[in-house]
Amino acid sequence: MTESAIGLFGNNEIIVNDALHALVGETLNGLDPAMALEDFTVNDDTLTPDERESFVQRIVTALNTPPFLVPHRVVVVRNAYALAKANVEVLSRWIESPVPEVTLILAGTTTKSHALLKVVGRTIDTTVGFKEGESFVKEKLRENNLRVDPAAIGPIMDRLGEEVERVDALARTLWSVFGDAKIGFAEIEPYLGAMGNVPEWDLTDCIDRGRTAEAVKTARRMLDSEGRVPVQVVGILQRHYLRLAQLQNSGAATTAAVVALLGIKEYPAKKLLGTFNALGTDRVARALQLVAQADIDLKGATALEPTLVMEILVARLAKMSEGAGRR
């Protein structure tokens, strides 16, 4: 029996689109797209209310059109999670009472809490976070039949940063050059391109765990890969410790309480609470003093190079966490 609705989502548009391409092919199962496929892309921000209503009506018309000369039809809605609430309700009603042998595929960047994902028959999560990044890279290399030295994975991850979607094009290039020959990082490096972006939490996690050398290296990488200047990195640290300071005297002793207080998601709230409990109020206050002094120094209060001011700050904060017992 044909699935009536599939929700494909993730946090990276390129990865979502790659997965969508494969899913559409799988769902069509050899049928002629000209006969069996209708493809829509939501550009909600650029539509007037009348245009939006007309656009959604075209989607509904496609969904309510039964298959003709083909066993089933596929209707794709790209960027579906950008639809307004009223339009989401229209699609939800169709999903609850679908036309037989018609499959609706919703795709776009969002989180699993989106209303449409709660009513579809199947969800496909392509989200690639920090923990999943290495597994994603390994899988893409395997999919392209590459024989990569396991020791090369770490340096590849260092270069890609959070831009793991680049590995798909990299893998195809490597296959065209090396085929199934075994390759190491020396062979791969010329094809890796520029350093990828580094998420802010890479830096704050290193500091909170007391990993001084790794924290300094990450801070330098943020400058090298993203064109940031030291004062921007200091700004990241200022926001981090100001959040910690908000927990002082707040009574927020659980992850749920931190979520309610700061309006952040559960996982970062859990990390923040753990850091606050490890550091204590005195160390948080001292950290804010160090950050404030670094900000002043970067504005001309010292003759030290801005990058050195930033590195000293990062090292001091990480050492403080190390002394507090964070590992």
C-alpha atoms as a PDB file:
ATOM      1  CA  MET A   1       0.000   0.000   0.000  1.00  0.00           C
ATOM      2  CA  THR A   2       1.253   3.496  -0.898  1.00  0.00           C
ATOM      3  CA  GLU A   3       2.281   5.722   2.011  1.00  0.00           C
ATOM      4  CA  SER A   4       0.042   8.786   2.154  1.00  0.00           C
ATOM      5  CA  ALA A   5       2.431  11.291   3.764  1.00  0.00           C
ATOM      6  CA  ILE A   6       6.158  11.425   4.519  1.00  0.00           C
ATOM      7  CA  GLY A   7       7.865  14.240   6.410  1.00  0.00           C
ATOM      8  CA  LEU A   8      11.542  14.748   5.567  1.00  0.00           C
ATOM      9  CA  PHE A   9      13.372  17.288   7.699  1.00  0.00           C
ATOM     10  CA  GLY A  10      16.750  18.321   9.082  1.00  0.00           C
ATOM     11  CA  ASN A  11      18.981  21.249   9.942  1.00  0.00           C
ATOM     12  CA  ASN A  12      20.893  21.564   6.675  1.00  0.00           C
ATOM     13  CA  GLU A  13      19.197  22.486   3.403  1.00  0.00           C
ATOM     14  CA  ILE A  14      21.768  20.757   1.200  1.00  0.00           C
ATOM     15  CA  ILE A  15      21.525  17.479   3.107  1.00  0.00           C
ATOM     16  CA  VAL A  16      17.710  17.671   3.104  1.00  0.00           C
ATOM     17  CA  ASN A  17      17.687  18.209  -0.672  1.00  0.00           C
ATOM     18  CA  ASP A  18      20.066  15.290  -1.251  1.00  0.00           C
ATOM     19  CA  ALA A  19      17.855  13.026   0.846  1.00  0.00           C
ATOM     20  CA  LEU A  20      14.747  14.323  -0.941  1.00  0.00           C
ATOM     21  CA  HIS A  21      16.219  13.457  -4.336  1.00  0.00           C
ATOM     22  CA  ALA A  22      16.773   9.872  -3.188  1.00  0.00           C
ATOM     23  CA  LEU A  23      13.333   9.647  -1.533  1.00  0.00           C
ATOM     24  CA  VAL A  24      11.485  10.880  -4.627  1.00  0.00           C
ATOM     25  CA  GLY A  25      13.297   8.304  -6.757  1.00  0.00           C
ATOM     26  CA  GLU A  26      12.440   5.568  -4.262  1.00  0.00           C
ATOM     27  CA  THR A  27       8.778   6.606  -4.076  1.00  0.00           C
ATOM     28  CA  LEU A  28       8.332   6.903  -7.849  1.00  0.00           C
ATOM     29  CA  ASN A  29       9.901   3.452  -8.207  1.00  0.00           C
ATOM     30  CA  GLY A  30      10.624   3.841 -11.910  1.00  0.00           C
ATOM     31  CA  LEU A  31       7.459   5.734 -12.868  1.00  0.00           C
ATOM     32  CA  ASP A  32       7.715   8.568 -15.386  1.00  0.00           C
ATOM     33  CA  PRO A  33       7.962  11.838 -13.380  1.00  0.00           C
ATOM     34  CA  ALA A  34       6.061  13.647 -16.136  1.00  0.00           C
ATOM     35  CA  MET A  35       3.032  11.450 -15.372  1.00  0.00           C
ATOM     36  CA  ALA A  36       3.436  10.687 -11.683  1.00  0.00           C
ATOM     37  CA  LEU A  37       5.135  13.677 -10.019  1.00  0.00           C
ATOM     38  CA  GLU A  38       4.103  17.217  -9.095  1.00  0.00           C
ATOM     39  CA  ASP A  39       6.704  19.374  -7.355  1.00  0.00           C
ATOM     40  CA  PHE A  40       5.996  22.591  -5.420  1.00  0.00           C
ATOM     41  CA  THR A  41       8.359  24.955  -3.595  1.00  0.00           C
ATOM     42  CA  VAL A  42       7.075  27.242  -0.840  1.00  0.00           C
ATOM     43  CA  ASN A  43       8.300  30.834  -1.039  1.00  0.00           C
ATOM     44  CA  ASP A  44       5.964  32.065   1.663  1.00  0.00           C
ATOM     45  CA  ASP A  45       7.785  35.313   2.426  1.00  0.00           C
ATOM     46  CA  THR A  46       7.398  36.588  -1.136  1.00  0.00           C
ATOM     47  CA  LEU A  47       3.699  35.801  -1.596  1.00  0.00           C
ATOM     48  CA  THR A  48       0.746  38.068  -0.959  1.00  0.00           C
ATOM     49  CA  PRO A  49      -2.147  36.541   1.043  1.00  0.00           C
ATOM     50  CA  ASP A  50      -4.111  35.934  -2.176  1.00  0.00           C
ATOM     51  CA  GLU A  51      -1.098  34.371  -3.911  1.00  0.00           C
ATOM     52  CA  ARG A  52      -0.465  32.166  -0.884  1.00  0.00           C
ATOM     53  CA  GLU A  53      -4.050  30.934  -0.853  1.00  0.00           C
ATOM     54  CA  SER A  54      -3.893  30.208  -4.579  1.00  0.00           C
ATOM     55  CA  PHE A  55      -0.576  28.373  -4.177  1.00  0.00           C
ATOM     56  CA  VAL A  56      -1.880  26.127  -1.401  1.00  0.00           C
ATOM     57  CA  GLN A  57      -5.025  25.452  -3.406  1.00  0.00           C
ATOM     58  CA  ARG A  58      -2.866  24.194  -6.295  1.00  0.00           C
ATOM     59  CA  ILE A  59      -1.155  21.793  -3.882  1.00  0.00           C
ATOM     60  CA  VAL A  60      -4.525  20.555  -2.608  1.00  0.00           C
ATOM     61  CA  THR A  61      -5.794  20.108  -6.167  1.00  0.00           C
ATOM     62  CA  ALA A  62      -2.710  18.027  -6.966  1.00  0.00           C
ATOM     63  CA  LEU A  63      -3.247  15.933  -3.849  1.00  0.00           C
ATOM     64  CA  ASN A  64      -6.896  15.322  -4.697  1.00  0.00           C
ATOM     65  CA  THR A  65      -6.141  14.244  -8.271  1.00  0.00           C
ATOM     66  CA  PRO A  66      -6.174  10.432  -8.434  1.00  0.00           C
ATOM     67  CA  PRO A  67      -3.578   8.552 -10.504  1.00  0.00           C
ATOM     68  CA  PHE A  68      -4.267   8.300 -14.249  1.00  0.00           C
ATOM     69  CA  LEU A  69      -2.332   5.881 -16.462  1.00  0.00           C
ATOM     70  CA  VAL A  70       0.056   5.271 -13.526  1.00  0.00           C
ATOM     71  CA  PRO A  71      -0.428   3.161 -10.375  1.00  0.00           C
ATOM     72  CA  HIS A  72       0.299   6.038  -7.990  1.00  0.00           C
ATOM     73  CA  ARG A  73       1.230   9.722  -7.854  1.00  0.00           C
ATOM     74  CA  VAL A  74       3.735  11.713  -5.780  1.00  0.00           C
ATOM     75  CA  VAL A  75       3.276  15.327  -4.686  1.00  0.00           C
ATOM     76  CA  VAL A  76       6.373  17.043  -3.274  1.00  0.00           C
ATOM     77  CA  VAL A  77       6.247  20.258  -1.233  1.00  0.00           C
ATOM     78  CA  ARG A  78       9.699  21.750  -0.675  1.00  0.00           C
ATOM     79  CA  ASN A  79      10.314  24.210   2.171  1.00  0.00           C
ATOM     80  CA  ALA A  80       6.957  22.971   3.478  1.00  0.00           C
ATOM     81  CA  TYR A  81       7.614  23.937   7.079  1.00  0.00           C
ATOM     82  CA  ALA A  82       7.642  27.630   6.148  1.00  0.00           C
ATOM     83  CA  LEU A  83       3.907  27.523   5.454  1.00  0.00           C
ATOM     84  CA  ALA A  84       1.658  29.680   7.602  1.00  0.00           C
ATOM     85  CA  LYS A  85      -0.409  28.017  10.337  1.00  0.00           C
ATOM     86  CA  ALA A  86      -3.653  28.155   8.335  1.00  0.00           C
ATOM     87  CA  ASN A  87      -1.967  26.434   5.383  1.00  0.00           C
ATOM     88  CA  VAL A  88      -0.478  23.796   7.669  1.00  0.00           C
ATOM     89  CA  GLU A  89      -3.999  23.027   8.876  1.00  0.00           C
ATOM     90  CA  VAL A  90      -5.187  22.590   5.273  1.00  0.00           C
ATOM     91  CA  LEU A  91      -2.464  20.014   4.562  1.00  0.00           C
ATOM     92  CA  SER A  92      -3.054  18.319   7.915  1.00  0.00           C
ATOM     93  CA  ARG A  93      -6.708  17.782   7.024  1.00  0.00           C
ATOM     94  CA  TRP A  94      -5.709  16.118   3.750  1.00  0.00           C
ATOM     95  CA  ILE A  95      -3.205  13.884   5.557  1.00  0.00           C
ATOM     96  CA  GLU A  96      -5.966  12.753   7.913  1.00  0.00           C
ATOM     97  CA  SER A  97      -8.136  11.779   4.932  1.00  0.00           C
ATOM     98  CA  PRO A  98      -5.821  11.179   1.956  1.00  0.00           C
ATOM     99  CA  VAL A  99      -6.650  10.195  -1.602  1.00  0.00           C
ATOM    100  CA  PRO A 100      -5.693   6.551  -2.224  1.00  0.00           C
ATOM    101  CA  GLU A 101      -2.430   5.936  -4.103  1.00  0.00           C
ATOM    102  CA  VAL A 102      -1.251   9.535  -3.701  1.00  0.00           C
ATOM    103  CA  THR A 103       1.863  10.230  -1.614  1.00  0.00           C
ATOM    104  CA  LEU A 104       2.606  13.651  -0.155  1.00  0.00           C
ATOM    105  CA  ILE A 105       6.292  14.303   0.579  1.00  0.00           C
ATOM    106  CA  LEU A 106       7.001  17.308   2.800  1.00  0.00           C
ATOM    107  CA  ALA A 107      10.596  18.516   2.921  1.00  0.00           C
ATOM    108  CA  GLY A 108      12.557  21.347   4.481  1.00  0.00           C
ATOM    109  CA  THR A 109      14.624  22.492   7.424  1.00  0.00           C
ATOM    110  CA  THR A 110      12.876  22.351  10.776  1.00  0.00           C
ATOM    111  CA  THR A 111      12.858  20.407  14.043  1.00  0.00           C
ATOM    112  CA  LYS A 112      10.855  17.308  14.891  1.00  0.00           C
ATOM    113  CA  SER A 113       8.360  19.393  16.881  1.00  0.00           C
ATOM    114  CA  HIS A 114       6.758  20.929  13.766  1.00  0.00           C
ATOM    115  CA  ALA A 115       2.990  20.364  13.588  1.00  0.00           C
ATOM    116  CA  LEU A 116       3.103  18.684  10.167  1.00  0.00           C
ATOM    117  CA  LEU A 117       5.570  16.071  11.383  1.00  0.00           C
ATOM    118  CA  LYS A 118       3.102  15.005  14.059  1.00  0.00           C
ATOM    119  CA  VAL A 119       0.457  13.955  11.523  1.00  0.00           C
ATOM    120  CA  VAL A 120       2.475  12.305   8.734  1.00  0.00           C
ATOM    121  CA  GLY A 121       2.734   8.543   8.558  1.00  0.00           C
ATOM    122  CA  ARG A 122       6.536   8.495   8.445  1.00  0.00           C
ATOM    123  CA  THR A 123       9.272  10.966   9.311  1.00  0.00           C
ATOM    124  CA  ILE A 124      12.846  10.996   8.044  1.00  0.00           C
ATOM    125  CA  ASP A 125      15.278  12.992  10.166  1.00  0.00           C
ATOM    126  CA  THR A 126      18.438  14.080   8.337  1.00  0.00           C
ATOM    127  CA  THR A 127      19.636  16.305  11.178  1.00  0.00           C
ATOM    128  CA  VAL A 128      23.412  16.164  11.533  1.00  0.00           C
ATOM    129  CA  GLY A 129      24.682  17.551  14.806  1.00  0.00           C
ATOM    130  CA  PHE A 130      28.142  17.594  16.360  1.00  0.00           C
ATOM    131  CA  LYS A 131      27.898  13.995  17.568  1.00  0.00           C
ATOM    132  CA  GLU A 132      26.495  12.633  14.305  1.00  0.00           C
ATOM    133  CA  GLY A 133      28.921  14.487  12.030  1.00  0.00           C
ATOM    134  CA  GLU A 134      31.677  11.872  12.016  1.00  0.00           C
ATOM    135  CA  SER A 135      29.235   9.027  11.368  1.00  0.00           C
ATOM    136  CA  PHE A 136      27.693  11.010   8.513  1.00  0.00           C
ATOM    137  CA  VAL A 137      31.095  11.597   6.910  1.00  0.00           C
ATOM    138  CA  LYS A 138      32.058   7.914   7.208  1.00  0.00           C
ATOM    139  CA  GLU A 139      28.736   6.835   5.708  1.00  0.00           C
ATOM    140  CA  LYS A 140      29.104   9.158   2.701  1.00  0.00           C
ATOM    141  CA  LEU A 141      32.633   7.903   2.037  1.00  0.00           C
ATOM    142  CA  ARG A 142      31.392   4.301   2.190  1.00  0.00           C
ATOM    143  CA  GLU A 143      28.443   5.061  -0.107  1.00  0.00           C
ATOM    144  CA  ASN A 144      30.926   6.188  -2.741  1.00  0.00           C
ATOM    145  CA  ASN A 145      33.000   2.989  -2.329  1.00  0.00           C
ATOM    146  CA  LEU A 146      36.071   4.873  -1.141  1.00  0.00           C
ATOM    147  CA  ARG A 147      38.811   3.106   0.816  1.00  0.00           C
ATOM    148  CA  VAL A 148      39.882   5.820   3.240  1.00  0.00           C
ATOM    149  CA  ASP A 149      42.500   5.333   5.944  1.00  0.00           C
ATOM    150  CA  PRO A 150      40.593   5.554   9.275  1.00  0.00           C
ATOM    151  CA  ALA A 151      43.304   7.905  10.555  1.00  0.00           C
ATOM    152  CA  ALA A 152      42.195  10.459   7.933  1.00  0.00           C
ATOM    153  CA  ILE A 153      38.675  10.874   9.349  1.00  0.00           C
ATOM    154  CA  GLY A 154      39.744  13.144  12.223  1.00  0.00           C
ATOM    155  CA  PRO A 155      41.656  15.609  10.008  1.00  0.00           C
ATOM    156  CA  ILE A 156      38.773  15.601   7.510  1.00  0.00           C
ATOM    157  CA  MET A 157      36.351  16.513  10.306  1.00  0.00           C
ATOM    158  CA  ASP A 158      38.709  19.260  11.486  1.00  0.00           C
ATOM    159  CA  ARG A 159      38.702  20.787   8.017  1.00  0.00           C
ATOM    160  CA  LEU A 160      34.979  20.459   7.340  1.00  0.00           C
ATOM    161  CA  GLY A 161      33.881  21.803  10.718  1.00  0.00           C
ATOM    162  CA  GLU A 162      30.086  22.003  10.861  1.00  0.00           C
ATOM    163  CA  GLU A 163      29.858  22.058   7.039  1.00  0.00           C
ATOM    164  CA  VAL A 164      29.640  18.268   6.812  1.00  0.00           C
ATOM    165  CA  GLU A 165      27.341  18.523   3.782  1.00  0.00           C
ATOM    166  CA  ARG A 166      30.495  19.221   1.750  1.00  0.00           C
ATOM    167  CA  VAL A 167      31.561  15.594   2.124  1.00  0.00           C
ATOM    168  CA  ASP A 168      29.128  14.401  -0.562  1.00  0.00           C
ATOM    169  CA  ALA A 169      30.783  16.441  -3.324  1.00  0.00           C
ATOM    170  CA  LEU A 170      34.196  15.619  -1.849  1.00  0.00           C
ATOM    171  CA  ALA A 171      33.498  11.882  -1.980  1.00  0.00           C
ATOM    172  CA  ARG A 172      32.395  12.036  -5.622  1.00  0.00           C
ATOM    173  CA  THR A 173      35.522  13.964  -6.550  1.00  0.00           C
ATOM    174  CA  LEU A 174      37.771  11.510  -4.713  1.00  0.00           C
ATOM    175  CA  TRP A 175      36.137   8.563  -6.484  1.00  0.00           C
ATOM    176  CA  SER A 176      36.658  10.165  -9.887  1.00  0.00           C
ATOM    177  CA  VAL A 177      40.342  10.719  -9.072  1.00  0.00           C
ATOM    178  CA  PHE A 178      41.349   7.652  -7.033  1.00  0.00           C
ATOM    179  CA  GLY A 179      38.669   5.030  -7.661  1.00  0.00           C
ATOM    180  CA  ASP A 180      38.951   2.174  -5.171  1.00  0.00           C
ATOM    181  CA  ALA A 181      42.615   2.774  -4.325  1.00  0.00           C
ATOM    182  CA  LYS A 182      43.315   3.165  -0.611  1.00  0.00           C
ATOM    183  CA  ILE A 183      43.867   6.843   0.236  1.00  0.00           C
ATOM    184  CA  GLY A 184      45.028   8.771   3.282  1.00  0.00           C
ATOM    185  CA  PHE A 185      44.747  12.391   4.350  1.00  0.00           C
ATOM    186  CA  ALA A 186      47.739  13.421   2.223  1.00  0.00           C
ATOM    187  CA  GLU A 187      45.823  12.423  -0.915  1.00  0.00           C
ATOM    188  CA  ILE A 188      42.519  13.894   0.314  1.00  0.00           C
ATOM    189  CA  GLU A 189      43.729  17.263   1.627  1.00  0.00           C
ATOM    190  CA  PRO A 190      44.142  19.027  -1.763  1.00  0.00           C
ATOM    191  CA  TYR A 191      40.441  18.419  -2.478  1.00  0.00           C
ATOM    192  CA  LEU A 192      39.050  19.582   0.878  1.00  0.00           C
ATOM    193  CA  GLY A 193      38.898  23.299   0.120  1.00  0.00           C
ATOM    194  CA  ALA A 194      38.685  26.033   2.753  1.00  0.00           C
ATOM    195  CA  MET A 195      38.268  25.428   6.457  1.00  0.00           C
ATOM    196  CA  GLY A 196      34.610  24.941   7.394  1.00  0.00           C
ATOM    197  CA  ASN A 197      32.705  26.900   9.992  1.00  0.00           C
ATOM    198  CA  VAL A 198      32.989  26.078  13.686  1.00  0.00           C
ATOM    199  CA  PRO A 199      29.807  26.176  15.794  1.00  0.00           C
ATOM    200  CA  GLU A 200      29.986  28.429  18.841  1.00  0.00           C
ATOM    201  CA  TRP A 201      29.314  25.540  21.205  1.00  0.00           C
ATOM    202  CA  ASP A 202      32.536  23.821  20.114  1.00  0.00           C
ATOM    203  CA  LEU A 203      34.413  26.634  21.850  1.00  0.00           C
ATOM    204  CA  THR A 204      32.225  26.908  24.939  1.00  0.00           C
ATOM    205  CA  ASP A 205      32.144  23.112  25.381  1.00  0.00           C
ATOM    206  CA  CYS A 206      35.962  22.945  25.324  1.00  0.00           C
ATOM    207  CA  ILE A 207      36.183  25.751  27.870  1.00  0.00           C
ATOM    208  CA  ASP A 208      33.503  24.278  30.136  1.00  0.00           C
ATOM    209  CA  ARG A 209      35.325  20.932  30.132  1.00  0.00           C
ATOM    210  CA  GLY A 210      38.644  22.525  31.014  1.00  0.00           C
ATOM    211  CA  ARG A 211      40.362  21.500  27.769  1.00  0.00           C
ATOM    212  CA  THR A 212      42.693  24.464  27.490  1.00  0.00           C
ATOM    213  CA  ALA A 213      44.784  23.537  24.445  1.00  0.00           C
ATOM    214  CA  GLU A 214      41.727  22.385  22.494  1.00  0.00           C
ATOM    215  CA  ALA A 215      39.826  25.550  23.429  1.00  0.00           C
ATOM    216  CA  VAL A 216      42.621  27.821  22.196  1.00  0.00           C
ATOM    217  CA  LYS A 217      42.893  25.802  18.972  1.00  0.00           C
ATOM    218  CA  THR A 218      39.129  26.089  18.429  1.00  0.00           C
ATOM    219  CA  ALA A 219      39.191  29.850  19.013  1.00  0.00           C
ATOM    220  CA  ARG A 220      41.968  30.234  16.439  1.00  0.00           C
ATOM    221  CA  ARG A 221      39.985  28.096  14.004  1.00  0.00           C
ATOM    222  CA  MET A 222      36.982  30.403  14.403  1.00  0.00           C
ATOM    223  CA  LEU A 223      39.150  33.295  13.247  1.00  0.00           C
ATOM    224  CA  ASP A 224      40.719  31.367  10.368  1.00  0.00           C
ATOM    225  CA  SER A 225      37.608  29.725   8.927  1.00  0.00           C
ATOM    226  CA  GLU A 226      34.928  32.367   9.285  1.00  0.00           C
ATOM    227  CA  GLY A 227      36.691  35.709   9.034  1.00  0.00           C
ATOM    228  CA  ARG A 228      35.770  36.539  12.604  1.00  0.00           C
ATOM    229  CA  VAL A 229      37.807  39.019  14.611  1.00  0.00           C
ATOM    230  CA  PRO A 230      38.826  38.468  18.261  1.00  0.00           C
ATOM    231  CA  VAL A 231      36.187  40.850  19.623  1.00  0.00           C
ATOM    232  CA  GLN A 232      33.464  38.643  18.089  1.00  0.00           C
ATOM    233  CA  VAL A 233      34.835  35.566  19.840  1.00  0.00           C
ATOM    234  CA  VAL A 234      34.902  37.498  23.109  1.00  0.00           C
ATOM    235  CA  GLY A 235      31.273  38.437  22.433  1.00  0.00           C
ATOM    236  CA  ILE A 236      30.380  34.743  22.171  1.00  0.00           C
ATOM    237  CA  LEU A 237      31.995  34.113  25.549  1.00  0.00           C
ATOM    238  CA  GLN A 238      30.274  37.120  27.078  1.00  0.00           C
ATOM    239  CA  ARG A 239      26.849  35.760  26.043  1.00  0.00           C
ATOM    240  CA  HIS A 240      27.751  32.340  27.425  1.00  0.00           C
ATOM    241  CA  TYR A 241      28.717  33.604  30.865  1.00  0.00           C
ATOM    242  CA  LEU A 242      25.847  36.085  31.032  1.00  0.00           C
ATOM    243  CA  ARG A 243      23.513  33.129  30.559  1.00  0.00           C
ATOM    244  CA  LEU A 244      25.261  31.333  33.396  1.00  0.00           C
ATOM    245  CA  ALA A 245      24.928  34.456  35.538  1.00  0.00           C
ATOM    246  CA  GLN A 246      21.171  34.443  34.947  1.00  0.00           C
ATOM    247  CA  LEU A 247      20.983  31.154  36.839  1.00  0.00           C
ATOM    248  CA  GLN A 248      22.312  32.795  39.995  1.00  0.00           C
ATOM    249  CA  ASN A 249      19.541  33.258  42.555  1.00  0.00           C
ATOM    250  CA  SER A 250      16.980  32.185  39.947  1.00  0.00           C
ATOM    251  CA  GLY A 251      15.968  29.013  41.728  1.00  0.00           C
ATOM    252  CA  ALA A 252      16.392  27.097  38.454  1.00  0.00           C
ATOM    253  CA  ALA A 253      17.710  23.776  39.736  1.00  0.00           C
ATOM    254  CA  THR A 254      16.462  21.475  36.978  1.00  0.00           C
ATOM    255  CA  THR A 255      16.847  21.321  33.212  1.00  0.00           C
ATOM    256  CA  ALA A 256      13.143  22.087  32.777  1.00  0.00           C
ATOM    257  CA  ALA A 257      13.482  25.177  34.960  1.00  0.00           C
ATOM    258  CA  VAL A 258      16.438  26.428  32.891  1.00  0.00           C
ATOM    259  CA  VAL A 259      14.449  25.875  29.682  1.00  0.00           C
ATOM    260  CA  ALA A 260      11.603  27.958  31.118  1.00  0.00           C
ATOM    261  CA  LEU A 261      13.931  30.672  32.420  1.00  0.00           C
ATOM    262  CA  LEU A 262      16.082  31.160  29.321  1.00  0.00           C
ATOM    263  CA  GLY A 263      13.788  29.956  26.553  1.00  0.00           C
ATOM    264  CA  ILE A 264      16.362  27.522  25.160  1.00  0.00           C
ATOM    265  CA  LYS A 265      16.157  23.862  24.167  1.00  0.00           C
ATOM    266  CA  GLU A 266      16.569  20.990  26.599  1.00  0.00           C
ATOM    267  CA  TYR A 267      20.051  19.805  25.614  1.00  0.00           C
ATOM    268  CA  PRO A 268      21.836  23.192  25.875  1.00  0.00           C
ATOM    269  CA  ALA A 269      19.872  23.880  29.072  1.00  0.00           C
ATOM    270  CA  LYS A 270      21.175  20.639  30.591  1.00  0.00           C
ATOM    271  CA  LYS A 271      24.770  21.528  29.642  1.00  0.00           C
ATOM    272  CA  LEU A 272      24.403  25.053  30.994  1.00  0.00           C
ATOM    273  CA  LEU A 273      23.055  23.837  34.325  1.00  0.00           C
ATOM    274  CA  GLY A 274      25.894  21.325  34.638  1.00  0.00           C
ATOM    275  CA  THR A 275      28.463  24.038  33.954  1.00  0.00           C
ATOM    276  CA  PHE A 276      26.870  26.401  36.459  1.00  0.00           C
ATOM    277  CA  ASN A 277      26.792  23.742  39.169  1.00  0.00           C
ATOM    278  CA  ALA A 278      30.446  22.890  38.522  1.00  0.00           C
ATOM    279  CA  LEU A 279      31.691  26.485  38.483  1.00  0.00           C
ATOM    280  CA  GLY A 280      29.568  28.048  41.194  1.00  0.00           C
ATOM    281  CA  THR A 281      28.636  31.709  41.533  1.00  0.00           C
ATOM    282  CA  ASP A 282      32.133  32.973  42.404  1.00  0.00           C
ATOM    283  CA  ARG A 283      33.784  31.467  39.323  1.00  0.00           C
ATOM    284  CA  VAL A 284      30.987  32.681  37.047  1.00  0.00           C
ATOM    285  CA  ALA A 285      31.446  36.201  38.425  1.00  0.00           C
ATOM    286  CA  ARG A 286      35.216  35.945  37.941  1.00  0.00           C
ATOM    287  CA  ALA A 287      34.726  34.711  34.371  1.00  0.00           C
ATOM    288  CA  LEU A 288      32.593  37.748  33.572  1.00  0.00           C
ATOM    289  CA  GLN A 289      35.327  39.992  34.990  1.00  0.00           C
ATOM    290  CA  LEU A 290      37.908  38.329  32.731  1.00  0.00           C
ATOM    291  CA  VAL A 291      35.644  38.694  29.702  1.00  0.00           C
ATOM    292  CA  ALA A 292      34.978  42.362  30.490  1.00  0.00           C
ATOM    293  CA  GLN A 293      38.709  43.065  30.872  1.00  0.00           C
ATOM    294  CA  ALA A 294      39.465  41.338  27.569  1.00  0.00           C
ATOM    295  CA  ASP A 295      36.822  43.476  25.882  1.00  0.00           C
ATOM    296  CA  ILE A 296      38.482  46.618  27.266  1.00  0.00           C
ATOM    297  CA  ASP A 297      41.914  45.372  26.184  1.00  0.00           C
ATOM    298  CA  LEU A 298      40.663  44.753  22.662  1.00  0.00           C
ATOM    299  CA  LYS A 299      39.520  48.363  22.517  1.00  0.00           C
ATOM    300  CA  GLY A 300      43.041  49.653  23.053  1.00  0.00           C
ATOM    301  CA  ALA A 301      43.798  49.292  26.762  1.00  0.00           C
ATOM    302  CA  THR A 302      46.795  47.060  26.055  1.00  0.00           C
ATOM    303  CA  ALA A 303      49.587  46.842  23.494  1.00  0.00           C
ATOM    304  CA  LEU A 304      49.065  43.085  23.086  1.00  0.00           C
ATOM    305  CA  GLU A 305      47.888  41.774  19.729  1.00  0.00           C
ATOM    306  CA  PRO A 306      44.091  41.211  19.672  1.00  0.00           C
ATOM    307  CA  THR A 307      44.504  37.511  18.857  1.00  0.00           C
ATOM    308  CA  LEU A 308      46.785  37.068  21.870  1.00  0.00           C
ATOM    309  CA  VAL A 309      44.278  38.841  24.135  1.00  0.00           C
ATOM    310  CA  MET A 310      41.612  36.408  22.954  1.00  0.00           C
ATOM    311  CA  GLU A 311      43.836  33.360  23.422  1.00  0.00           C
ATOM    312  CA  ILE A 312      44.815  34.409  26.949  1.00  0.00           C
ATOM    313  CA  LEU A 313      41.147  34.866  27.858  1.00  0.00           C
ATOM    314  CA  VAL A 314      40.179  31.469  26.457  1.00  0.00           C
ATOM    315  CA  ALA A 315      43.052  29.772  28.284  1.00  0.00           C
ATOM    316  CA  ARG A 316      42.163  31.431  31.604  1.00  0.00           C
ATOM    317  CA  LEU A 317      38.504  30.468  31.332  1.00  0.00           C
ATOM    318  CA  ALA A 318      39.351  26.867  30.452  1.00  0.00           C
ATOM    319  CA  LYS A 319      41.833  26.646  33.333  1.00  0.00           C
ATOM    320  CA  MET A 320      39.137  27.923  35.661  1.00  0.00           C
ATOM    321  CA  SER A 321      36.786  25.155  34.521  1.00  0.00           C
ATOM    322  CA  GLU A 322      39.563  22.593  34.895  1.00  0.00           C
ATOM    323  CA  GLY A 323      40.077  23.746  38.464  1.00  0.00           C
ATOM    324  CA  ALA A 324      36.351  23.394  39.092  1.00  0.00           C
ATOM    325  CA  GLY A 325      36.498  19.734  38.136  1.00  0.00           C
ATOM    326  CA  ARG A 326      34.874  19.823  34.665  1.00  0.00           C
ATOM    327  CA  ARG A 327      36.247  17.070  32.413  1.00  0.00           C
END
